[in-house]
Amino acid sequence: MNNFLGAMLAKAKNTFMQSAETAQIQQEDTVSVIELAEFIEKHVDANMVSQFLLGDFYYFYELQAEGINYYLEKKT
């Protein structure tokens, strides 16, 4: 019985340590969807195409920056 409790305690401690490490990794800088959309829309290298579809204007943005391809669609 003592062995069982010791093994259970060791597993709980290991799980807690892994969770703490994961939480530290996930504390990197993050941005919201709104911030990302503004970044794409206002970036000087972004290509924008506007189209009038179904009675509304739609804006399509494409951007390649730092090896990442961004795509944004907006309706006004």
N, C-alpha and C. Protein backbone atom coordinates (compact mmCIF):
# COMPACT_ATOMS: atom_id res chain seq x y z
N MET A 1 0.83 -1.19 0.00
CA MET A 1 0.00 0.00 0.00
C MET A 1 0.87 1.26 0.00
N ASN A 2 1.96 1.24 0.77
CA ASN A 2 2.86 2.37 0.86
C ASN A 2 3.53 2.63 -0.50
N ASN A 3 3.87 1.55 -1.21
CA ASN A 3 4.47 1.66 -2.54
C ASN A 3 3.49 2.32 -3.51
N PHE A 4 2.24 1.91 -3.42
CA PHE A 4 1.20 2.46 -4.29
C PHE A 4 1.05 3.97 -4.07
N LEU A 5 1.01 4.41 -2.82
CA LEU A 5 0.87 5.84 -2.53
C LEU A 5 2.11 6.62 -2.99
N GLY A 6 3.27 6.03 -2.81
CA GLY A 6 4.51 6.68 -3.25
C GLY A 6 4.53 6.86 -4.77
N ALA A 7 4.11 5.82 -5.50
CA ALA A 7 4.07 5.90 -6.96
C ALA A 7 3.03 6.92 -7.41
N MET A 8 1.90 6.97 -6.73
CA MET A 8 0.85 7.92 -7.08
C MET A 8 1.32 9.36 -6.81
N LEU A 9 2.01 9.56 -5.71
CA LEU A 9 2.53 10.88 -5.38
C LEU A 9 3.59 11.32 -6.39
N ALA A 10 4.46 10.40 -6.79
CA ALA A 10 5.50 10.71 -7.78
C ALA A 10 4.88 11.06 -9.12
N LYS A 11 3.83 10.34 -9.54
CA LYS A 11 3.17 10.63 -10.81
C LYS A 11 2.47 11.99 -10.74
N ALA A 12 1.83 12.31 -9.63
CA ALA A 12 1.17 13.61 -9.48
C ALA A 12 2.19 14.74 -9.54
N LYS A 13 3.33 14.55 -8.88
CA LYS A 13 4.38 15.57 -8.90
C LYS A 13 4.93 15.76 -10.31
N ASN A 14 5.14 14.67 -11.04
CA ASN A 14 5.64 14.73 -12.41
C ASN A 14 4.64 15.46 -13.31
N THR A 15 3.37 15.13 -13.17
CA THR A 15 2.33 15.78 -13.96
C THR A 15 2.28 17.28 -13.67
N PHE A 16 2.39 17.65 -12.41
CA PHE A 16 2.37 19.06 -12.03
C PHE A 16 3.57 19.79 -12.64
N MET A 17 4.74 19.18 -12.62
CA MET A 17 5.94 19.81 -13.16
C MET A 17 5.82 20.00 -14.68
N GLN A 18 5.26 19.00 -15.37
CA GLN A 18 5.07 19.12 -16.81
C GLN A 18 4.07 20.24 -17.13
N SER A 19 3.02 20.35 -16.34
CA SER A 19 2.03 21.41 -16.54
C SER A 19 2.65 22.78 -16.31
N ALA A 20 3.48 22.91 -15.31
CA ALA A 20 4.15 24.18 -15.02
C ALA A 20 5.09 24.56 -16.16
N GLU A 21 5.81 23.58 -16.71
CA GLU A 21 6.70 23.86 -17.84
C GLU A 21 5.90 24.30 -19.06
N THR A 22 4.78 23.64 -19.32
CA THR A 22 3.93 24.00 -20.45
C THR A 22 3.39 25.41 -20.28
N ALA A 23 2.99 25.78 -19.08
CA ALA A 23 2.47 27.12 -18.83
C ALA A 23 3.55 28.17 -19.06
N GLN A 24 4.78 27.88 -18.70
CA GLN A 24 5.87 28.82 -18.93
C GLN A 24 6.14 28.99 -20.41
N ILE A 25 6.05 27.92 -21.17
CA ILE A 25 6.27 27.99 -22.62
C ILE A 25 5.17 28.84 -23.27
N GLN A 26 3.93 28.71 -22.80
CA GLN A 26 2.81 29.41 -23.41
C GLN A 26 2.72 30.87 -23.00
N GLN A 27 3.63 31.37 -22.20
CA GLN A 27 3.60 32.76 -21.78
C GLN A 27 4.36 33.67 -22.74
N GLU A 28 4.57 33.20 -23.97
CA GLU A 28 5.22 34.03 -24.96
C GLU A 28 4.27 35.14 -25.38
N ASP A 29 4.79 36.12 -26.11
CA ASP A 29 3.97 37.23 -26.58
C ASP A 29 2.83 36.71 -27.46
N THR A 30 1.66 37.26 -27.26
CA THR A 30 0.50 36.89 -28.05
C THR A 30 -0.17 38.15 -28.58
N VAL A 31 -0.97 37.99 -29.61
CA VAL A 31 -1.74 39.10 -30.16
C VAL A 31 -3.17 38.63 -30.36
N SER A 32 -4.08 39.59 -30.33
CA SER A 32 -5.49 39.25 -30.57
C SER A 32 -5.74 39.23 -32.08
N VAL A 33 -6.89 38.71 -32.46
CA VAL A 33 -7.27 38.68 -33.86
C VAL A 33 -7.40 40.10 -34.41
N ILE A 34 -7.94 41.00 -33.61
CA ILE A 34 -8.10 42.40 -34.02
C ILE A 34 -6.73 43.04 -34.27
N GLU A 35 -5.77 42.79 -33.37
CA GLU A 35 -4.43 43.34 -33.54
C GLU A 35 -3.75 42.78 -34.79
N LEU A 36 -3.95 41.48 -35.04
CA LEU A 36 -3.36 40.86 -36.23
C LEU A 36 -3.99 41.44 -37.50
N ALA A 37 -5.30 41.64 -37.49
CA ALA A 37 -5.98 42.23 -38.65
C ALA A 37 -5.47 43.65 -38.92
N GLU A 38 -5.30 44.43 -37.88
CA GLU A 38 -4.77 45.79 -38.04
C GLU A 38 -3.34 45.77 -38.57
N PHE A 39 -2.54 44.83 -38.09
CA PHE A 39 -1.16 44.69 -38.57
C PHE A 39 -1.14 44.42 -40.07
N ILE A 40 -1.97 43.49 -40.52
CA ILE A 40 -2.02 43.14 -41.94
C ILE A 40 -2.52 44.32 -42.76
N GLU A 41 -3.61 44.93 -42.30
CA GLU A 41 -4.25 46.01 -43.05
C GLU A 41 -3.33 47.23 -43.20
N LYS A 42 -2.56 47.56 -42.18
CA LYS A 42 -1.74 48.78 -42.19
C LYS A 42 -0.30 48.56 -42.65
N HIS A 43 0.09 47.31 -42.88
CA HIS A 43 1.46 47.03 -43.28
C HIS A 43 1.72 47.59 -44.68
N VAL A 44 2.88 48.20 -44.86
CA VAL A 44 3.19 48.85 -46.14
C VAL A 44 3.35 47.85 -47.29
N ASP A 45 3.70 46.62 -47.00
CA ASP A 45 3.91 45.61 -48.04
C ASP A 45 2.65 44.81 -48.36
N ALA A 46 1.54 45.09 -47.69
CA ALA A 46 0.31 44.33 -47.92
C ALA A 46 -0.31 44.73 -49.25
N ASN A 47 -0.77 43.72 -49.99
CA ASN A 47 -1.49 43.95 -51.24
C ASN A 47 -2.98 43.90 -50.96
N MET A 48 -3.71 44.95 -51.39
CA MET A 48 -5.13 45.02 -51.12
C MET A 48 -5.91 45.07 -52.43
N VAL A 49 -6.98 44.27 -52.49
CA VAL A 49 -7.90 44.28 -53.62
C VAL A 49 -9.28 44.51 -53.04
N SER A 50 -10.04 45.44 -53.63
CA SER A 50 -11.41 45.67 -53.17
C SER A 50 -12.37 45.27 -54.28
N GLN A 51 -13.51 44.70 -53.85
CA GLN A 51 -14.54 44.30 -54.80
C GLN A 51 -15.90 44.64 -54.22
N PHE A 52 -16.81 45.04 -55.11
CA PHE A 52 -18.19 45.31 -54.71
C PHE A 52 -19.00 44.06 -55.03
N LEU A 53 -19.39 43.32 -53.99
CA LEU A 53 -20.09 42.06 -54.16
C LEU A 53 -21.37 42.05 -53.33
N LEU A 54 -22.47 41.68 -53.92
CA LEU A 54 -23.74 41.53 -53.21
C LEU A 54 -24.13 42.79 -52.45
N GLY A 55 -23.82 43.94 -53.00
CA GLY A 55 -24.22 45.19 -52.39
C GLY A 55 -23.29 45.71 -51.31
N ASP A 56 -22.16 45.07 -51.08
CA ASP A 56 -21.21 45.52 -50.06
C ASP A 56 -19.80 45.51 -50.64
N PHE A 57 -18.95 46.35 -50.06
CA PHE A 57 -17.53 46.35 -50.44
C PHE A 57 -16.80 45.31 -49.60
N TYR A 58 -15.98 44.52 -50.26
CA TYR A 58 -15.13 43.54 -49.59
C TYR A 58 -13.68 43.90 -49.91
N TYR A 59 -12.82 43.75 -48.90
CA TYR A 59 -11.40 44.06 -49.05
C TYR A 59 -10.61 42.80 -48.74
N PHE A 60 -9.70 42.47 -49.64
CA PHE A 60 -8.87 41.27 -49.51
C PHE A 60 -7.41 41.71 -49.42
N TYR A 61 -6.76 41.32 -48.35
CA TYR A 61 -5.37 41.70 -48.10
C TYR A 61 -4.49 40.45 -48.13
N GLU A 62 -3.34 40.57 -48.77
CA GLU A 62 -2.32 39.51 -48.74
C GLU A 62 -1.01 40.14 -48.32
N LEU A 63 -0.30 39.44 -47.46
CA LEU A 63 0.97 39.95 -46.95
C LEU A 63 1.89 38.77 -46.71
N GLN A 64 3.14 38.94 -47.14
CA GLN A 64 4.18 37.97 -46.79
C GLN A 64 5.24 38.73 -46.02
N ALA A 65 5.40 38.39 -44.74
CA ALA A 65 6.37 39.07 -43.88
C ALA A 65 7.04 38.05 -42.97
N GLU A 66 8.34 38.13 -42.89
CA GLU A 66 9.14 37.26 -42.02
C GLU A 66 8.86 35.77 -42.26
N GLY A 67 8.66 35.40 -43.53
CA GLY A 67 8.45 34.00 -43.88
C GLY A 67 7.05 33.49 -43.59
N ILE A 68 6.12 34.37 -43.27
CA ILE A 68 4.74 33.96 -42.96
C ILE A 68 3.82 34.61 -43.98
N ASN A 69 2.88 33.83 -44.52
CA ASN A 69 1.87 34.36 -45.45
C ASN A 69 0.60 34.69 -44.66
N TYR A 70 0.16 35.93 -44.75
CA TYR A 70 -1.05 36.39 -44.08
C TYR A 70 -2.12 36.66 -45.13
N TYR A 71 -3.37 36.38 -44.79
CA TYR A 71 -4.49 36.67 -45.67
C TYR A 71 -5.64 37.19 -44.81
N LEU A 72 -6.24 38.30 -45.24
CA LEU A 72 -7.31 38.92 -44.47
C LEU A 72 -8.43 39.32 -45.40
N GLU A 73 -9.66 39.03 -45.01
CA GLU A 73 -10.85 39.49 -45.74
C GLU A 73 -11.65 40.37 -44.82
N LYS A 74 -12.08 41.56 -45.34
CA LYS A 74 -12.90 42.48 -44.55
C LYS A 74 -14.11 42.90 -45.35
N LYS A 75 -15.21 43.10 -44.66
CA LYS A 75 -16.43 43.59 -45.27
C LYS A 75 -16.82 44.87 -44.56
N THR A 76 -17.19 45.90 -45.33
CA THR A 76 -17.62 47.14 -44.71
C THR A 76 -19.08 47.41 -44.98
